[in-house]
Amino acid sequence: MNTRKMPDKHELVLTRLVLDVLKPHKPGMVEFAQALTGLRGVTKVEVSIIEVDADTETVKLTVEGNNINFEQIANTVKQLGAAVHSVDQVTYSHPTKQQT
């Protein structure tokens, strides 16, 4: 019998998120990354182009930080005219003193 207790959701923080995103050509990758980097808890954003079509780009969006708010990321992506197609990777960690 496994008696190990699952950590309370408040004991873990989201520290890395990898998303498959479909975005228009504008805003460009630099502006797109800057908008996301400005969000609370976000310390690093990487945007890599996977595919380019006539009107859109499929990008891999990697967000790292301390206690990332997924809903805030998803809402900002939407406000930038893009859509999250899938969540490809999620990393939760125990918070450090800096993350609390």
Foldseek 3Di string as FASTA:
>chain_A
DDPDDDDDPVQKAWFKWKFWKKAFPPPPPVVLQVLLCPDPFWPDWDWAFDDDDPTITTIIIMTGGQRDDVVVNQVSCVVRVMHTPDTDDIDMDGHDPVND
